Amino acid sequence: MTGRRRNTAPPREDVLAAAMEMIAERGLEKLTMAALGREVGMSSGHLLYYFHSKDELLLETLEWSEGRLGAERGRLLMRPATARERLDAYVDLYVPDGHRDPHWTLWLEVWNRSQNADDGARERQAAIEGAWHRDLVALLAEGVSRGEFRPVDADRFATRLRALLDGFSINVAIGLQGTDRGQVLGHVREFLDESLLAS
């Protein structure tokens, strides 16, 4: 008896997890459709059928990784702690673990490729940034309302703080000398002390 042919393609999430693992272990330059296909038991043509392009694969992998970070960020921001303690946790989650942090490596590549991206891809990238921004605005507004932070425009302050974090984070991710993670966290905490703490 011949049964129906089974679809042996791994679940999409498994492919995205494998792509992220390859970036972490081997670097982004080793992530080719052929290499990923070997990793998950699919041909590069099969992968292209599902993702249409490497740009789409990278963006979906970033969205998948951001989904996991978003869940972790939500847990950190909902825990019972002061607004400042949760702000420090937000910053700690935002800043790369170090040189070649796989999430930041991927983020930088996707943003670099976005120069030629279509409107739909740009909207998806904006959604990633928007989630981080909204959470930070809400946290800052809460700290202000509780009197932990001095009165600031939460949206404007969040925009400036995220620009600061992005600049420092890029330096950490590319391994710029003199900007390791510990130094960056120290600079950011000093900035927050000077800018936010209610007198």
C-alpha atoms as a PDB file:
ATOM      1  CA  MET A   1       0.000   0.000   0.000  1.00  0.00           C
ATOM      2  CA  THR A   2       1.364   3.401  -0.853  1.00  0.00           C
ATOM      3  CA  GLY A   3       0.460   6.136   1.611  1.00  0.00           C
ATOM      4  CA  ARG A   4       0.104   9.773   0.785  1.00  0.00           C
ATOM      5  CA  ARG A   5       3.421  11.496   0.345  1.00  0.00           C
ATOM      6  CA  ARG A   6       4.279  13.388   3.512  1.00  0.00           C
ATOM      7  CA  ASN A   7       5.448  16.958   3.463  1.00  0.00           C
ATOM      8  CA  THR A   8       8.869  16.707   5.034  1.00  0.00           C
ATOM      9  CA  ALA A   9       9.582  20.428   5.224  1.00  0.00           C
ATOM     10  CA  PRO A  10      10.338  21.487   8.798  1.00  0.00           C
ATOM     11  CA  PRO A  11       8.021  23.995  10.455  1.00  0.00           C
ATOM     12  CA  ARG A  12       8.813  27.591   9.519  1.00  0.00           C
ATOM     13  CA  GLU A  13       9.807  28.417  13.093  1.00  0.00           C
ATOM     14  CA  ASP A  14      12.402  25.622  13.046  1.00  0.00           C
ATOM     15  CA  VAL A  15      13.948  27.133   9.904  1.00  0.00           C
ATOM     16  CA  LEU A  16      14.076  30.583  11.513  1.00  0.00           C
ATOM     17  CA  ALA A  17      15.595  29.164  14.703  1.00  0.00           C
ATOM     18  CA  ALA A  18      18.206  27.315  12.630  1.00  0.00           C
ATOM     19  CA  ALA A  19      19.047  30.520  10.749  1.00  0.00           C
ATOM     20  CA  MET A  20      19.530  32.385  14.026  1.00  0.00           C
ATOM     21  CA  GLU A  21      21.685  29.575  15.412  1.00  0.00           C
ATOM     22  CA  MET A  22      23.858  29.636  12.292  1.00  0.00           C
ATOM     23  CA  ILE A  23      24.359  33.395  12.665  1.00  0.00           C
ATOM     24  CA  ALA A  24      25.339  32.903  16.320  1.00  0.00           C
ATOM     25  CA  GLU A  25      27.743  30.046  15.654  1.00  0.00           C
ATOM     26  CA  ARG A  26      29.229  30.888  12.248  1.00  0.00           C
ATOM     27  CA  GLY A  27      28.436  34.515  11.509  1.00  0.00           C
ATOM     28  CA  LEU A  28      26.070  36.062   9.026  1.00  0.00           C
ATOM     29  CA  GLU A  29      28.448  35.620   6.101  1.00  0.00           C
ATOM     30  CA  LYS A  30      28.112  31.825   6.410  1.00  0.00           C
ATOM     31  CA  LEU A  31      24.315  31.972   6.267  1.00  0.00           C
ATOM     32  CA  THR A  32      23.549  31.066   2.668  1.00  0.00           C
ATOM     33  CA  MET A  33      20.364  29.465   1.413  1.00  0.00           C
ATOM     34  CA  ALA A  34      22.361  26.341   0.516  1.00  0.00           C
ATOM     35  CA  ALA A  35      23.996  26.098   3.950  1.00  0.00           C
ATOM     36  CA  LEU A  36      20.704  26.687   5.756  1.00  0.00           C
ATOM     37  CA  GLY A  37      19.036  24.137   3.522  1.00  0.00           C
ATOM     38  CA  ARG A  38      21.622  21.521   4.509  1.00  0.00           C
ATOM     39  CA  GLU A  39      21.059  22.408   8.165  1.00  0.00           C
ATOM     40  CA  VAL A  40      17.294  21.854   8.003  1.00  0.00           C
ATOM     41  CA  GLY A  41      17.180  19.129   5.343  1.00  0.00           C
ATOM     42  CA  MET A  42      15.753  21.243   2.522  1.00  0.00           C
ATOM     43  CA  SER A  43      17.099  22.321  -0.835  1.00  0.00           C
ATOM     44  CA  SER A  44      17.943  25.970  -1.375  1.00  0.00           C
ATOM     45  CA  GLY A  45      15.222  25.997  -4.043  1.00  0.00           C
ATOM     46  CA  HIS A  46      12.702  24.749  -1.498  1.00  0.00           C
ATOM     47  CA  LEU A  47      13.748  27.522   0.907  1.00  0.00           C
ATOM     48  CA  LEU A  48      13.379  30.102  -1.840  1.00  0.00           C
ATOM     49  CA  TYR A  49       9.911  28.759  -2.550  1.00  0.00           C
ATOM     50  CA  TYR A  50       8.920  29.492   1.065  1.00  0.00           C
ATOM     51  CA  PHE A  51      10.811  32.751   1.595  1.00  0.00           C
ATOM     52  CA  HIS A  52      11.188  34.094  -1.984  1.00  0.00           C
ATOM     53  CA  SER A  53      14.522  35.784  -1.209  1.00  0.00           C
ATOM     54  CA  LYS A  54      17.314  35.924   1.327  1.00  0.00           C
ATOM     55  CA  ASP A  55      16.124  39.406   2.308  1.00  0.00           C
ATOM     56  CA  GLU A  56      12.742  37.949   3.289  1.00  0.00           C
ATOM     57  CA  LEU A  57      14.381  35.102   5.197  1.00  0.00           C
ATOM     58  CA  LEU A  58      16.485  37.583   7.166  1.00  0.00           C
ATOM     59  CA  LEU A  59      13.534  39.853   7.924  1.00  0.00           C
ATOM     60  CA  GLU A  60      11.383  36.926   9.077  1.00  0.00           C
ATOM     61  CA  THR A  61      14.246  35.663  11.227  1.00  0.00           C
ATOM     62  CA  LEU A  62      14.561  39.117  12.784  1.00  0.00           C
ATOM     63  CA  GLU A  63      10.800  39.255  13.413  1.00  0.00           C
ATOM     64  CA  TRP A  64      10.960  35.812  15.043  1.00  0.00           C
ATOM     65  CA  SER A  65      13.889  36.867  17.230  1.00  0.00           C
ATOM     66  CA  GLU A  66      12.125  40.128  18.109  1.00  0.00           C
ATOM     67  CA  GLY A  67       9.036  38.175  19.113  1.00  0.00           C
ATOM     68  CA  ARG A  68      11.098  36.293  21.665  1.00  0.00           C
ATOM     69  CA  LEU A  69      12.760  39.485  22.887  1.00  0.00           C
ATOM     70  CA  GLY A  70       9.362  41.172  23.083  1.00  0.00           C
ATOM     71  CA  ALA A  71       8.044  38.412  25.342  1.00  0.00           C
ATOM     72  CA  GLU A  72      11.097  38.728  27.577  1.00  0.00           C
ATOM     73  CA  ARG A  73      10.752  42.514  27.605  1.00  0.00           C
ATOM     74  CA  GLY A  74       7.113  42.181  28.605  1.00  0.00           C
ATOM     75  CA  ARG A  75       8.030  39.943  31.545  1.00  0.00           C
ATOM     76  CA  LEU A  76      10.728  42.363  32.696  1.00  0.00           C
ATOM     77  CA  LEU A  77       8.453  45.393  32.476  1.00  0.00           C
ATOM     78  CA  MET A  78       5.544  43.715  34.284  1.00  0.00           C
ATOM     79  CA  ARG A  79       7.552  42.505  37.268  1.00  0.00           C
ATOM     80  CA  PRO A  80       7.055  44.193  40.633  1.00  0.00           C
ATOM     81  CA  ALA A  81       9.943  46.680  40.782  1.00  0.00           C
ATOM     82  CA  THR A  82      10.531  50.405  40.634  1.00  0.00           C
ATOM     83  CA  ALA A  83      10.295  52.125  37.272  1.00  0.00           C
ATOM     84  CA  ARG A  84      14.040  52.782  37.415  1.00  0.00           C
ATOM     85  CA  GLU A  85      14.839  49.121  38.062  1.00  0.00           C
ATOM     86  CA  ARG A  86      12.661  48.122  35.119  1.00  0.00           C
ATOM     87  CA  LEU A  87      14.249  50.846  32.972  1.00  0.00           C
ATOM     88  CA  ASP A  88      17.680  49.404  33.774  1.00  0.00           C
ATOM     89  CA  ALA A  89      16.352  45.959  32.781  1.00  0.00           C
ATOM     90  CA  TYR A  90      15.045  47.412  29.499  1.00  0.00           C
ATOM     91  CA  VAL A  91      18.460  48.932  28.752  1.00  0.00           C
ATOM     92  CA  ASP A  92      20.200  45.688  29.690  1.00  0.00           C
ATOM     93  CA  LEU A  93      17.998  43.763  27.248  1.00  0.00           C
ATOM     94  CA  TYR A  94      18.471  46.388  24.508  1.00  0.00           C
ATOM     95  CA  VAL A  95      22.287  46.561  24.523  1.00  0.00           C
ATOM     96  CA  PRO A  96      24.087  43.705  22.690  1.00  0.00           C
ATOM     97  CA  ASP A  97      25.792  40.995  24.699  1.00  0.00           C
ATOM     98  CA  GLY A  98      29.039  41.829  22.930  1.00  0.00           C
ATOM     99  CA  HIS A  99      30.873  41.843  19.632  1.00  0.00           C
ATOM    100  CA  ARG A 100      28.962  39.891  16.957  1.00  0.00           C
ATOM    101  CA  ASP A 101      25.844  39.521  19.101  1.00  0.00           C
ATOM    102  CA  PRO A 102      23.690  37.450  16.688  1.00  0.00           C
ATOM    103  CA  HIS A 103      20.505  39.470  17.127  1.00  0.00           C
ATOM    104  CA  TRP A 104      22.287  42.767  16.534  1.00  0.00           C
ATOM    105  CA  THR A 105      24.303  41.302  13.658  1.00  0.00           C
ATOM    106  CA  LEU A 106      21.028  40.343  12.014  1.00  0.00           C
ATOM    107  CA  TRP A 107      19.398  43.680  12.854  1.00  0.00           C
ATOM    108  CA  LEU A 108      22.269  45.600  11.256  1.00  0.00           C
ATOM    109  CA  GLU A 109      22.123  43.475   8.106  1.00  0.00           C
ATOM    110  CA  VAL A 110      18.362  43.840   7.716  1.00  0.00           C
ATOM    111  CA  TRP A 111      18.556  47.603   8.169  1.00  0.00           C
ATOM    112  CA  ASN A 112      21.442  47.842   5.727  1.00  0.00           C
ATOM    113  CA  ARG A 113      19.424  45.917   3.133  1.00  0.00           C
ATOM    114  CA  SER A 114      16.365  48.094   3.787  1.00  0.00           C
ATOM    115  CA  GLN A 115      17.756  50.797   1.531  1.00  0.00           C
ATOM    116  CA  ASN A 116      16.261  48.809  -1.352  1.00  0.00           C
ATOM    117  CA  ALA A 117      13.300  47.309   0.539  1.00  0.00           C
ATOM    118  CA  ASP A 118       9.707  47.744  -0.525  1.00  0.00           C
ATOM    119  CA  ASP A 119       7.115  49.601   1.555  1.00  0.00           C
ATOM    120  CA  GLY A 120       5.810  46.398   3.116  1.00  0.00           C
ATOM    121  CA  ALA A 121       9.241  45.407   4.432  1.00  0.00           C
ATOM    122  CA  ARG A 122       9.825  48.920   5.740  1.00  0.00           C
ATOM    123  CA  GLU A 123       6.497  48.827   7.587  1.00  0.00           C
ATOM    124  CA  ARG A 124       7.466  45.532   9.199  1.00  0.00           C
ATOM    125  CA  GLN A 125      10.783  47.011  10.311  1.00  0.00           C
ATOM    126  CA  ALA A 126       8.971  50.055  11.693  1.00  0.00           C
ATOM    127  CA  ALA A 127       6.682  47.720  13.662  1.00  0.00           C
ATOM    128  CA  ILE A 128       9.736  46.176  15.342  1.00  0.00           C
ATOM    129  CA  GLU A 129      11.017  49.596  16.360  1.00  0.00           C
ATOM    130  CA  GLY A 130       7.546  50.750  17.380  1.00  0.00           C
ATOM    131  CA  ALA A 131       7.147  47.967  19.933  1.00  0.00           C
ATOM    132  CA  TRP A 132      10.366  48.931  21.725  1.00  0.00           C
ATOM    133  CA  HIS A 133       9.392  52.594  21.610  1.00  0.00           C
ATOM    134  CA  ARG A 134       5.854  52.144  22.971  1.00  0.00           C
ATOM    135  CA  ASP A 135       7.088  50.050  25.898  1.00  0.00           C
ATOM    136  CA  LEU A 136       9.723  52.633  26.769  1.00  0.00           C
ATOM    137  CA  VAL A 137       7.254  55.539  26.544  1.00  0.00           C
ATOM    138  CA  ALA A 138       4.821  53.735  28.861  1.00  0.00           C
ATOM    139  CA  LEU A 139       7.575  52.977  31.378  1.00  0.00           C
ATOM    140  CA  LEU A 140       8.850  56.553  31.380  1.00  0.00           C
ATOM    141  CA  ALA A 141       5.336  57.943  31.766  1.00  0.00           C
ATOM    142  CA  GLU A 142       4.727  55.602  34.688  1.00  0.00           C
ATOM    143  CA  GLY A 143       7.957  56.709  36.370  1.00  0.00           C
ATOM    144  CA  VAL A 144       6.985  60.355  35.933  1.00  0.00           C
ATOM    145  CA  SER A 145       3.461  59.799  37.277  1.00  0.00           C
ATOM    146  CA  ARG A 146       4.849  58.035  40.369  1.00  0.00           C
ATOM    147  CA  GLY A 147       7.349  60.811  41.024  1.00  0.00           C
ATOM    148  CA  GLU A 148      10.354  58.537  40.443  1.00  0.00           C
ATOM    149  CA  PHE A 149      11.410  60.510  37.375  1.00  0.00           C
ATOM    150  CA  ARG A 150      11.381  64.235  36.911  1.00  0.00           C
ATOM    151  CA  PRO A 151       8.680  65.517  34.540  1.00  0.00           C
ATOM    152  CA  VAL A 152       9.716  64.816  30.932  1.00  0.00           C
ATOM    153  CA  ASP A 153       7.879  64.385  27.653  1.00  0.00           C
ATOM    154  CA  ALA A 154       7.971  60.588  27.620  1.00  0.00           C
ATOM    155  CA  ASP A 155       7.763  60.255  23.842  1.00  0.00           C
ATOM    156  CA  ARG A 156      10.533  62.781  23.142  1.00  0.00           C
ATOM    157  CA  PHE A 157      12.754  61.357  25.870  1.00  0.00           C
ATOM    158  CA  ALA A 158      12.209  57.798  24.580  1.00  0.00           C
ATOM    159  CA  THR A 159      13.160  58.877  21.040  1.00  0.00           C
ATOM    160  CA  ARG A 160      16.403  60.416  22.274  1.00  0.00           C
ATOM    161  CA  LEU A 161      17.229  57.571  24.636  1.00  0.00           C
ATOM    162  CA  ARG A 162      16.710  54.964  21.905  1.00  0.00           C
ATOM    163  CA  ALA A 163      18.970  56.946  19.559  1.00  0.00           C
ATOM    164  CA  LEU A 164      21.634  56.912  22.278  1.00  0.00           C
ATOM    165  CA  LEU A 165      21.126  53.183  22.837  1.00  0.00           C
ATOM    166  CA  ASP A 166      21.271  52.464  19.097  1.00  0.00           C
ATOM    167  CA  GLY A 167      24.526  54.372  18.696  1.00  0.00           C
ATOM    168  CA  PHE A 168      26.199  52.671  21.634  1.00  0.00           C
ATOM    169  CA  SER A 169      24.768  49.278  20.659  1.00  0.00           C
ATOM    170  CA  ILE A 170      26.145  49.464  17.124  1.00  0.00           C
ATOM    171  CA  ASN A 171      29.578  50.215  18.573  1.00  0.00           C
ATOM    172  CA  VAL A 172      29.337  47.177  20.857  1.00  0.00           C
ATOM    173  CA  ALA A 173      28.028  44.898  18.111  1.00  0.00           C
ATOM    174  CA  ILE A 174      30.814  45.764  15.672  1.00  0.00           C
ATOM    175  CA  GLY A 175      33.445  45.566  18.407  1.00  0.00           C
ATOM    176  CA  LEU A 176      34.588  49.194  18.302  1.00  0.00           C
ATOM    177  CA  GLN A 177      37.529  49.519  20.649  1.00  0.00           C
ATOM    178  CA  GLY A 178      36.713  51.270  23.912  1.00  0.00           C
ATOM    179  CA  THR A 179      32.977  50.564  23.822  1.00  0.00           C
ATOM    180  CA  ASP A 180      32.423  47.224  25.478  1.00  0.00           C
ATOM    181  CA  ARG A 181      29.080  46.338  27.007  1.00  0.00           C
ATOM    182  CA  GLY A 182      30.042  47.229  30.579  1.00  0.00           C
ATOM    183  CA  GLN A 183      31.279  50.678  29.582  1.00  0.00           C
ATOM    184  CA  VAL A 184      28.141  51.343  27.565  1.00  0.00           C
ATOM    185  CA  LEU A 185      25.824  50.326  30.393  1.00  0.00           C
ATOM    186  CA  GLY A 186      27.776  52.613  32.714  1.00  0.00           C
ATOM    187  CA  HIS A 187      27.425  55.564  30.327  1.00  0.00           C
ATOM    188  CA  VAL A 188      23.698  54.984  29.889  1.00  0.00           C
ATOM    189  CA  ARG A 189      23.025  54.651  33.626  1.00  0.00           C
ATOM    190  CA  GLU A 190      24.955  57.848  34.278  1.00  0.00           C
ATOM    191  CA  PHE A 191      22.917  59.620  31.584  1.00  0.00           C
ATOM    192  CA  LEU A 192      19.667  58.354  33.110  1.00  0.00           C
ATOM    193  CA  ASP A 193      20.730  59.468  36.603  1.00  0.00           C
ATOM    194  CA  GLU A 194      21.519  62.955  35.328  1.00  0.00           C
ATOM    195  CA  SER A 195      18.458  63.272  33.088  1.00  0.00           C
ATOM    196  CA  LEU A 196      15.636  61.499  34.873  1.00  0.00           C
ATOM    197  CA  LEU A 197      16.062  61.224  38.601  1.00  0.00           C
ATOM    198  CA  ALA A 198      13.704  63.522  40.447  1.00  0.00           C
ATOM    199  CA  SER A 199      15.538  65.940  42.731  1.00  0.00           C
END
